[in-house]
Protein backbone atom coordinates (compact mmCIF):
# COMPACT_ATOMS: atom_id res chain seq x y z
CA ILE A 1 6.24 -44.89 31.60
CA GLN A 2 2.88 -46.08 30.29
CA PRO A 3 0.05 -46.20 32.92
CA SER A 4 -1.23 -49.53 33.75
CA GLU A 5 -4.48 -50.70 32.14
CA SER A 6 -6.34 -50.58 35.44
CA VAL A 7 -5.23 -46.87 36.02
CA ARG A 8 -6.22 -45.96 32.62
CA ASN A 9 -9.55 -47.71 32.95
CA ASP A 10 -10.17 -45.83 36.36
CA THR A 11 -9.35 -42.67 34.83
CA TYR A 12 -11.80 -43.16 32.09
CA ILE A 13 -14.50 -43.92 34.59
CA SER A 14 -13.64 -40.87 36.75
CA MET A 15 -13.73 -38.65 33.76
CA ILE A 16 -17.11 -40.03 32.58
CA SER A 17 -18.53 -39.67 35.95
CA CYS A 18 -17.40 -35.99 36.07
CA TYR A 19 -19.09 -35.28 32.69
CA LYS A 20 -22.09 -36.91 33.78
CA GLN A 21 -22.29 -34.86 37.16
CA ALA A 22 -21.51 -31.66 35.13
CA GLY A 23 -24.50 -32.38 32.68
CA ASP A 24 -21.99 -32.34 29.87
CA SER A 25 -23.82 -35.04 27.68
CA GLU A 26 -21.69 -34.45 24.55
CA ASN A 27 -18.43 -35.12 26.24
CA PHE A 28 -19.96 -37.89 28.36
CA LYS A 29 -21.13 -39.86 25.50
CA MET A 30 -17.73 -39.37 23.50
CA ALA A 31 -15.77 -40.34 26.53
CA LEU A 32 -18.07 -43.55 27.19
CA THR A 33 -17.93 -44.55 23.58
CA ALA A 34 -14.16 -44.36 23.47
CA ALA A 35 -13.93 -46.20 26.78
CA ARG A 36 -16.27 -48.84 25.70
CA LYS A 37 -14.30 -49.26 22.52
CA GLU A 38 -11.10 -49.84 24.39
CA TYR A 39 -12.37 -51.91 27.22
CA PRO A 40 -15.44 -53.67 25.69
CA ASN A 41 -15.81 -56.15 28.56
CA ASP A 42 -15.29 -53.83 31.50
CA VAL A 43 -18.38 -54.37 33.82
CA ASN A 44 -18.13 -50.73 35.21
CA LEU A 45 -18.22 -49.24 31.83
CA ILE A 46 -21.08 -51.50 30.78
CA ASN A 47 -23.09 -50.39 33.72
CA LEU A 48 -22.60 -46.88 32.97
CA GLU A 49 -23.85 -47.35 29.44
CA ILE A 50 -26.90 -49.39 30.65
CA GLN A 51 -27.75 -46.49 33.06
CA GLU A 52 -27.31 -43.98 30.22
CA TYR A 53 -29.74 -45.79 28.06
CA LEU A 54 -32.17 -46.33 30.94
CA ASP A 55 -32.13 -42.71 31.80
CA ALA A 56 -32.73 -41.75 28.21
CA LYS A 57 -35.65 -44.36 27.97
CA LYS A 58 -33.84 -46.19 25.00
CA TYR A 59 -34.94 -49.43 26.26
CA ASP A 60 -34.08 -51.50 23.04
CA GLU A 61 -30.43 -50.26 23.40
CA ALA A 62 -30.49 -51.07 27.13
CA LEU A 63 -31.52 -54.68 26.40
CA LYS A 64 -28.72 -55.02 24.03
CA ILE A 65 -26.15 -53.64 26.41
CA LEU A 66 -27.69 -55.85 29.16
CA ASP A 67 -26.98 -58.90 26.96
CA GLU A 68 -23.38 -57.85 26.73
CA ALA A 69 -23.23 -57.28 30.52
CA ILE A 70 -24.57 -60.87 30.91
CA ALA A 71 -21.91 -62.29 28.64
CA ALA A 72 -19.15 -60.42 30.65
CA SER A 73 -20.67 -61.18 33.99
CA PRO A 74 -23.24 -64.11 33.85
CA ALA A 75 -23.46 -64.54 37.56
CA ASN A 76 -24.92 -61.05 38.25
CA GLU A 77 -28.46 -61.43 38.94
CA LEU A 78 -29.16 -57.72 38.73
CA TYR A 79 -28.83 -57.83 34.87
CA TYR A 80 -31.55 -60.27 34.61
CA TYR A 81 -33.74 -58.36 37.05
CA VAL A 82 -33.29 -55.13 35.02
CA LYS A 83 -34.17 -57.06 31.89
CA GLY A 84 -37.27 -58.24 33.55
CA ASP A 85 -38.35 -54.85 34.59
CA ILE A 86 -37.96 -53.51 31.13
CA TYR A 87 -39.85 -56.36 29.52
CA LEU A 88 -42.60 -55.86 32.22
CA ASN A 89 -43.08 -52.24 32.33
CA GLN A 90 -41.81 -51.06 28.97
CA LYS A 91 -42.33 -53.97 26.47
CA LYS A 92 -45.54 -55.35 28.32
CA ASP A 93 -44.06 -58.90 27.70
CA GLU A 94 -45.15 -60.68 31.03
CA GLU A 95 -43.65 -64.03 29.88
CA GLN A 96 -40.13 -62.62 29.08
CA ALA A 97 -40.28 -60.62 32.36
CA LEU A 98 -40.95 -63.86 34.22
CA ALA A 99 -38.32 -65.79 32.44
CA MET A 100 -35.80 -63.00 33.41
CA TYR A 101 -36.90 -63.07 37.06
CA ALA A 102 -36.55 -66.73 37.12
CA LYS A 103 -32.98 -66.49 35.93
CA ALA A 104 -32.28 -63.92 38.65
CA ILE A 105 -33.77 -66.19 41.25
CA GLU A 106 -31.81 -69.18 39.94
CA ILE A 107 -28.54 -67.14 40.62
CA LYS A 108 -29.67 -65.75 43.89
CA PRO A 109 -32.56 -67.76 45.43
CA ASP A 110 -33.14 -65.24 48.23
CA TYR A 111 -33.51 -62.33 45.68
CA THR A 112 -36.58 -60.88 47.32
CA ASP A 113 -37.35 -58.21 44.59
CA ALA A 114 -37.22 -60.81 41.87
CA LEU A 115 -39.48 -63.13 43.92
CA TYR A 116 -41.86 -60.23 44.78
CA MET A 117 -42.03 -59.11 41.00
CA SER A 118 -42.69 -62.65 39.86
CA GLY A 119 -45.71 -62.84 42.17
CA PHE A 120 -46.73 -59.32 41.20
CA VAL A 121 -47.12 -60.57 37.44
CA TYR A 122 -49.67 -63.19 38.49
CA PHE A 123 -51.13 -60.87 41.12
CA ASN A 124 -51.82 -58.23 38.34
CA ARG A 125 -53.19 -60.79 35.96
CA ALA A 126 -55.75 -61.85 38.70
CA ASN A 127 -56.73 -58.24 39.11
CA GLU A 128 -57.34 -57.76 35.47
CA ILE A 129 -59.90 -60.72 35.75
CA THR A 130 -61.41 -58.66 38.51
CA ASN A 131 -62.07 -56.01 35.93
CA GLU A 132 -63.77 -58.39 33.55
CA LEU A 133 -65.93 -59.80 36.40
CA ASN A 134 -67.11 -56.40 37.17
CA ASP A 135 -68.12 -55.68 33.68
CA LEU A 136 -70.28 -58.74 33.33
CA PRO A 137 -74.03 -58.26 33.59
CA GLY A 138 -75.95 -59.82 36.36
CA SER A 139 -77.43 -62.59 34.10
CA ALA A 140 -74.11 -63.93 33.02
CA VAL A 141 -73.94 -66.35 36.10
CA LYS A 142 -72.05 -69.17 34.39
CA LYS A 143 -69.47 -66.91 32.94
CA TYR A 144 -68.99 -65.21 36.23
CA ASP A 145 -68.48 -68.60 38.00
CA ALA A 146 -65.97 -69.66 35.45
CA LEU A 147 -64.01 -66.45 35.45
CA LYS A 148 -64.11 -66.40 39.19
CA LYS A 149 -62.54 -70.04 39.30
CA THR A 150 -59.93 -68.71 36.81
CA GLN A 151 -59.11 -65.69 38.92
CA LYS A 152 -58.59 -67.95 41.97
CA GLY A 153 -56.11 -70.08 40.14
CA VAL A 154 -54.09 -67.19 38.91
CA PHE A 155 -54.00 -65.66 42.48
CA LYS A 156 -52.73 -69.05 43.72
CA GLN A 157 -49.92 -68.94 41.17
CA SER A 158 -48.55 -65.78 42.87
CA LEU A 159 -48.42 -67.44 46.36
CA PRO A 160 -45.12 -69.41 46.07
CA TYR A 161 -43.28 -66.32 44.97
CA PHE A 162 -44.77 -63.84 47.75
CA GLU A 163 -44.49 -66.65 50.49
CA LYS A 164 -40.84 -67.13 49.46
CA ALA A 165 -40.19 -63.57 49.49
CA LEU A 166 -41.70 -63.17 52.92
CA GLU A 167 -39.40 -66.00 54.23
CA TYR A 168 -36.28 -64.01 53.36
CA SER A 169 -37.83 -60.63 54.22
CA PRO A 170 -40.29 -61.33 56.99
CA GLU A 171 -41.23 -57.72 57.74
CA ASP A 172 -41.70 -56.37 54.21
CA LYS A 173 -44.88 -54.46 54.09
CA ASP A 174 -45.56 -54.67 50.30
CA THR A 175 -45.18 -58.51 50.38
CA LEU A 176 -47.41 -58.73 53.54
CA LYS A 177 -50.02 -56.55 51.79
CA ALA A 178 -49.88 -58.56 48.63
CA LEU A 179 -50.33 -61.78 50.66
CA GLN A 180 -53.19 -60.36 52.74
CA GLU A 181 -55.15 -59.66 49.45
CA VAL A 182 -54.22 -63.14 47.95
CA TYR A 183 -55.25 -64.92 50.93
CA TYR A 184 -58.66 -62.89 51.20
CA LYS A 185 -59.30 -63.73 47.46
CA ILE A 186 -58.71 -67.28 47.64
CA GLY A 187 -60.57 -67.72 51.08
CA GLU A 188 -57.57 -68.59 53.25
CA LYS A 189 -59.03 -66.85 56.41
CA ASP A 190 -56.63 -68.21 58.94
CA LYS A 191 -53.55 -67.08 56.87
CA PHE A 192 -55.38 -63.87 56.04
CA ASN A 193 -55.87 -63.11 59.74
CA GLU A 194 -52.18 -64.13 60.53
CA VAL A 195 -50.81 -61.70 57.89
CA SER A 196 -53.33 -58.99 59.07
CA GLU A 197 -52.11 -59.24 62.54
CA LYS A 198 -48.37 -59.21 61.43
CA LEU A 199 -49.08 -55.97 59.46
CA LYS A 200 -50.74 -54.37 62.55
CA SER A 201 -47.64 -55.18 64.68
CA LEU A 202 -45.27 -53.43 62.26
């Protein structure tokens, strides 16, 4: 009697997991390669391969497998989020990161991590302008004013993401702290005070 495909698939996954836990990287890779060849669209196996590349810091390979994962499971917002994380932190490509976070949010509008990270991209850009402002000589008044205006605009771009994240997770301290700083930087005193009081109560 031949084992069913699902049983064989589960056996592969169990075996691969055992090799992983035992630290047997050679047999782990061999078993994973064989399993992926036999079941190229199996999401569980794809996930194992993604994690392997992430652990090994092989981000180009991880991105390639993530594309396969999206093709196999296009409604899984996590794959887009992980791609966004790689683009932001490893590839230093903020625009691609924002595009991936946007796809994740499109699939799951209450995806607070993707909302927060989208806001963080603009928040970080605004803080980079802060460094430029600090490096300006005291005589560069016009340039200072222009940069200050630009900075305020970039901080404002982060607001919709942080505010939406807070709607879905109203007691998240990281989001509250980010909003506290943004409100302070753009001069929204009432909202700054409101968020500050909320933080104190947590």
